[in-house]
């Protein structure tokens, strides 16, 4: 099973330590936000699968609607399958811009 998350964000505030004109800054922030989202989603899914056994994203309905014949084959074992299935995550974050640019709390020498 795969989960694809595409999101856009705007950084509300950033210090002058980071160049807001640099593509590298955007890419670095996008990577950091992507990692945070992946960690949160992964932890949530592990809890839902392993601890509670709850199909919170209704994967069963997705399978039923997209592959009804396959669903009929696995329906009786779904709880076991769900709790042990591997999930791949693809997170795509796009930073659309910055809001307030403030002075760093780190003093200049």
C-alpha atoms as a PDB file:
ATOM      1  CA  UNK A   1       0.000   0.000   0.000  1.00  0.00           C
ATOM      2  CA  UNK A   2       1.220   3.505  -0.739  1.00  0.00           C
ATOM      3  CA  UNK A   3       0.242   6.857   0.664  1.00  0.00           C
ATOM      4  CA  UNK A   4       1.011   9.943  -1.417  1.00  0.00           C
ATOM      5  CA  UNK A   5       0.855  13.329   0.270  1.00  0.00           C
ATOM      6  CA  UNK A   6       1.268  16.505  -1.764  1.00  0.00           C
ATOM      7  CA  UNK A   7       1.126  19.760   0.157  1.00  0.00           C
ATOM      8  CA  UNK A   8       2.058  23.398  -0.130  1.00  0.00           C
ATOM      9  CA  UNK A   9       3.115  25.530   2.771  1.00  0.00           C
ATOM     10  CA  UNK A  10       4.084  29.086   3.455  1.00  0.00           C
ATOM     11  CA  UNK A  11       6.675  29.807   6.103  1.00  0.00           C
ATOM     12  CA  UNK A  12       5.084  32.342   8.446  1.00  0.00           C
ATOM     13  CA  UNK A  13       8.323  33.566   9.990  1.00  0.00           C
ATOM     14  CA  UNK A  14      12.008  32.943   9.366  1.00  0.00           C
ATOM     15  CA  UNK A  15      15.180  34.524  10.693  1.00  0.00           C
ATOM     16  CA  UNK A  16      17.707  36.339   8.543  1.00  0.00           C
ATOM     17  CA  UNK A  17      20.089  33.457   9.193  1.00  0.00           C
ATOM     18  CA  UNK A  18      18.537  31.824   6.135  1.00  0.00           C
ATOM     19  CA  UNK A  19      18.638  33.388   2.721  1.00  0.00           C
ATOM     20  CA  UNK A  20      15.032  33.567   1.543  1.00  0.00           C
ATOM     21  CA  UNK A  21      16.237  34.232  -1.995  1.00  0.00           C
ATOM     22  CA  UNK A  22      18.093  30.940  -2.170  1.00  0.00           C
ATOM     23  CA  UNK A  23      16.619  27.893  -3.890  1.00  0.00           C
ATOM     24  CA  UNK A  24      18.746  25.818  -1.500  1.00  0.00           C
ATOM     25  CA  UNK A  25      16.852  27.290   1.463  1.00  0.00           C
ATOM     26  CA  UNK A  26      13.514  26.348  -0.108  1.00  0.00           C
ATOM     27  CA  UNK A  27      14.752  22.831  -0.862  1.00  0.00           C
ATOM     28  CA  UNK A  28      16.173  22.383   2.639  1.00  0.00           C
ATOM     29  CA  UNK A  29      12.949  23.537   4.295  1.00  0.00           C
ATOM     30  CA  UNK A  30      10.849  21.381   1.967  1.00  0.00           C
ATOM     31  CA  UNK A  31      12.989  18.388   2.935  1.00  0.00           C
ATOM     32  CA  UNK A  32      12.677  19.116   6.652  1.00  0.00           C
ATOM     33  CA  UNK A  33       8.902  19.571   6.456  1.00  0.00           C
ATOM     34  CA  UNK A  34       8.603  16.419   4.356  1.00  0.00           C
ATOM     35  CA  UNK A  35      10.570  14.449   6.958  1.00  0.00           C
ATOM     36  CA  UNK A  36       8.369  15.777   9.778  1.00  0.00           C
ATOM     37  CA  UNK A  37       5.165  14.888   7.943  1.00  0.00           C
ATOM     38  CA  UNK A  38       6.465  11.407   7.126  1.00  0.00           C
ATOM     39  CA  UNK A  39       7.414  10.819  10.757  1.00  0.00           C
ATOM     40  CA  UNK A  40       3.983  11.910  12.017  1.00  0.00           C
ATOM     41  CA  UNK A  41       2.088   9.851   9.425  1.00  0.00           C
ATOM     42  CA  UNK A  42       4.289   6.802  10.022  1.00  0.00           C
ATOM     43  CA  UNK A  43       3.821   7.001  13.798  1.00  0.00           C
ATOM     44  CA  UNK A  44       0.059   7.474  13.412  1.00  0.00           C
ATOM     45  CA  UNK A  45      -0.231   4.514  11.058  1.00  0.00           C
ATOM     46  CA  UNK A  46       1.845   2.282  13.331  1.00  0.00           C
ATOM     47  CA  UNK A  47      -0.445   3.137  16.230  1.00  0.00           C
ATOM     48  CA  UNK A  48      -3.573   2.532  14.162  1.00  0.00           C
ATOM     49  CA  UNK A  49      -2.270  -0.741  12.693  1.00  0.00           C
ATOM     50  CA  UNK A  50      -0.383  -2.340  15.538  1.00  0.00           C
ATOM     51  CA  UNK A  51      -1.905  -0.989  18.735  1.00  0.00           C
ATOM     52  CA  UNK A  52      -5.532  -0.355  17.803  1.00  0.00           C
ATOM     53  CA  UNK A  53      -6.023  -2.388  14.627  1.00  0.00           C
ATOM     54  CA  UNK A  54      -8.173   0.396  13.151  1.00  0.00           C
ATOM     55  CA  UNK A  55      -8.275   1.123   9.415  1.00  0.00           C
ATOM     56  CA  UNK A  56      -8.448   4.910   9.887  1.00  0.00           C
ATOM     57  CA  UNK A  57      -7.873   5.717   6.214  1.00  0.00           C
ATOM     58  CA  UNK A  58     -10.432   3.173   4.980  1.00  0.00           C
ATOM     59  CA  UNK A  59      -7.969   1.228   2.869  1.00  0.00           C
ATOM     60  CA  UNK A  60     -10.546  -1.555   2.842  1.00  0.00           C
ATOM     61  CA  UNK A  61     -13.035   0.672   0.984  1.00  0.00           C
ATOM     62  CA  UNK A  62     -10.368   1.723  -1.496  1.00  0.00           C
ATOM     63  CA  UNK A  63      -9.553  -1.909  -2.242  1.00  0.00           C
ATOM     64  CA  UNK A  64     -13.257  -2.822  -2.416  1.00  0.00           C
ATOM     65  CA  UNK A  65     -14.025  -0.024  -4.880  1.00  0.00           C
ATOM     66  CA  UNK A  66     -10.934  -0.407  -7.040  1.00  0.00           C
ATOM     67  CA  UNK A  67     -10.428  -4.186  -6.895  1.00  0.00           C
ATOM     68  CA  UNK A  68     -13.750  -5.793  -5.875  1.00  0.00           C
ATOM     69  CA  UNK A  69     -12.730  -9.324  -6.898  1.00  0.00           C
ATOM     70  CA  UNK A  70      -9.500  -9.109  -4.907  1.00  0.00           C
ATOM     71  CA  UNK A  71     -11.401  -7.685  -1.927  1.00  0.00           C
ATOM     72  CA  UNK A  72     -13.741 -10.690  -1.875  1.00  0.00           C
ATOM     73  CA  UNK A  73     -10.667 -12.948  -1.689  1.00  0.00           C
ATOM     74  CA  UNK A  74      -9.100 -11.140   1.267  1.00  0.00           C
ATOM     75  CA  UNK A  75     -12.112  -9.733   3.125  1.00  0.00           C
ATOM     76  CA  UNK A  76     -12.228 -12.451   5.778  1.00  0.00           C
ATOM     77  CA  UNK A  77      -8.515 -11.929   6.529  1.00  0.00           C
ATOM     78  CA  UNK A  78      -8.519  -8.130   6.225  1.00  0.00           C
ATOM     79  CA  UNK A  79      -7.864  -7.393   9.905  1.00  0.00           C
ATOM     80  CA  UNK A  80      -4.751  -9.592   9.912  1.00  0.00           C
ATOM     81  CA  UNK A  81      -3.578  -8.261   6.527  1.00  0.00           C
ATOM     82  CA  UNK A  82      -4.125  -4.654   7.583  1.00  0.00           C
ATOM     83  CA  UNK A  83      -2.194  -5.028  10.816  1.00  0.00           C
ATOM     84  CA  UNK A  84       0.846  -6.485   9.042  1.00  0.00           C
ATOM     85  CA  UNK A  85       0.896  -4.670   5.689  1.00  0.00           C
ATOM     86  CA  UNK A  86       3.800  -2.448   4.760  1.00  0.00           C
ATOM     87  CA  UNK A  87       3.024   1.105   3.763  1.00  0.00           C
ATOM     88  CA  UNK A  88       5.222   3.235   1.543  1.00  0.00           C
ATOM     89  CA  UNK A  89       5.025   6.987   1.910  1.00  0.00           C
ATOM     90  CA  UNK A  90       5.719   9.582  -0.753  1.00  0.00           C
ATOM     91  CA  UNK A  91       5.658  13.086   0.661  1.00  0.00           C
ATOM     92  CA  UNK A  92       5.957  16.095  -1.635  1.00  0.00           C
ATOM     93  CA  UNK A  93       6.187  19.512   0.027  1.00  0.00           C
ATOM     94  CA  UNK A  94       6.349  22.805  -1.852  1.00  0.00           C
ATOM     95  CA  UNK A  95       7.228  26.010  -0.014  1.00  0.00           C
ATOM     96  CA  UNK A  96       5.301  28.811  -1.694  1.00  0.00           C
ATOM     97  CA  UNK A  97       6.996  31.684   0.101  1.00  0.00           C
ATOM     98  CA  UNK A  98       7.903  33.375   3.340  1.00  0.00           C
ATOM     99  CA  UNK A  99       6.046  35.751   5.606  1.00  0.00           C
ATOM    100  CA  UNK A 100       7.873  37.773   8.254  1.00  0.00           C
ATOM    101  CA  UNK A 101      11.668  37.822   8.033  1.00  0.00           C
ATOM    102  CA  UNK A 102      13.077  38.703  11.448  1.00  0.00           C
ATOM    103  CA  UNK A 103      16.498  39.267  12.937  1.00  0.00           C
ATOM    104  CA  UNK A 104      18.197  36.213  14.322  1.00  0.00           C
ATOM    105  CA  UNK A 105      18.455  35.765  18.067  1.00  0.00           C
ATOM    106  CA  UNK A 106      22.082  34.846  17.448  1.00  0.00           C
ATOM    107  CA  UNK A 107      24.150  37.998  17.831  1.00  0.00           C
ATOM    108  CA  UNK A 108      26.502  39.203  15.146  1.00  0.00           C
ATOM    109  CA  UNK A 109      30.191  39.553  16.049  1.00  0.00           C
END
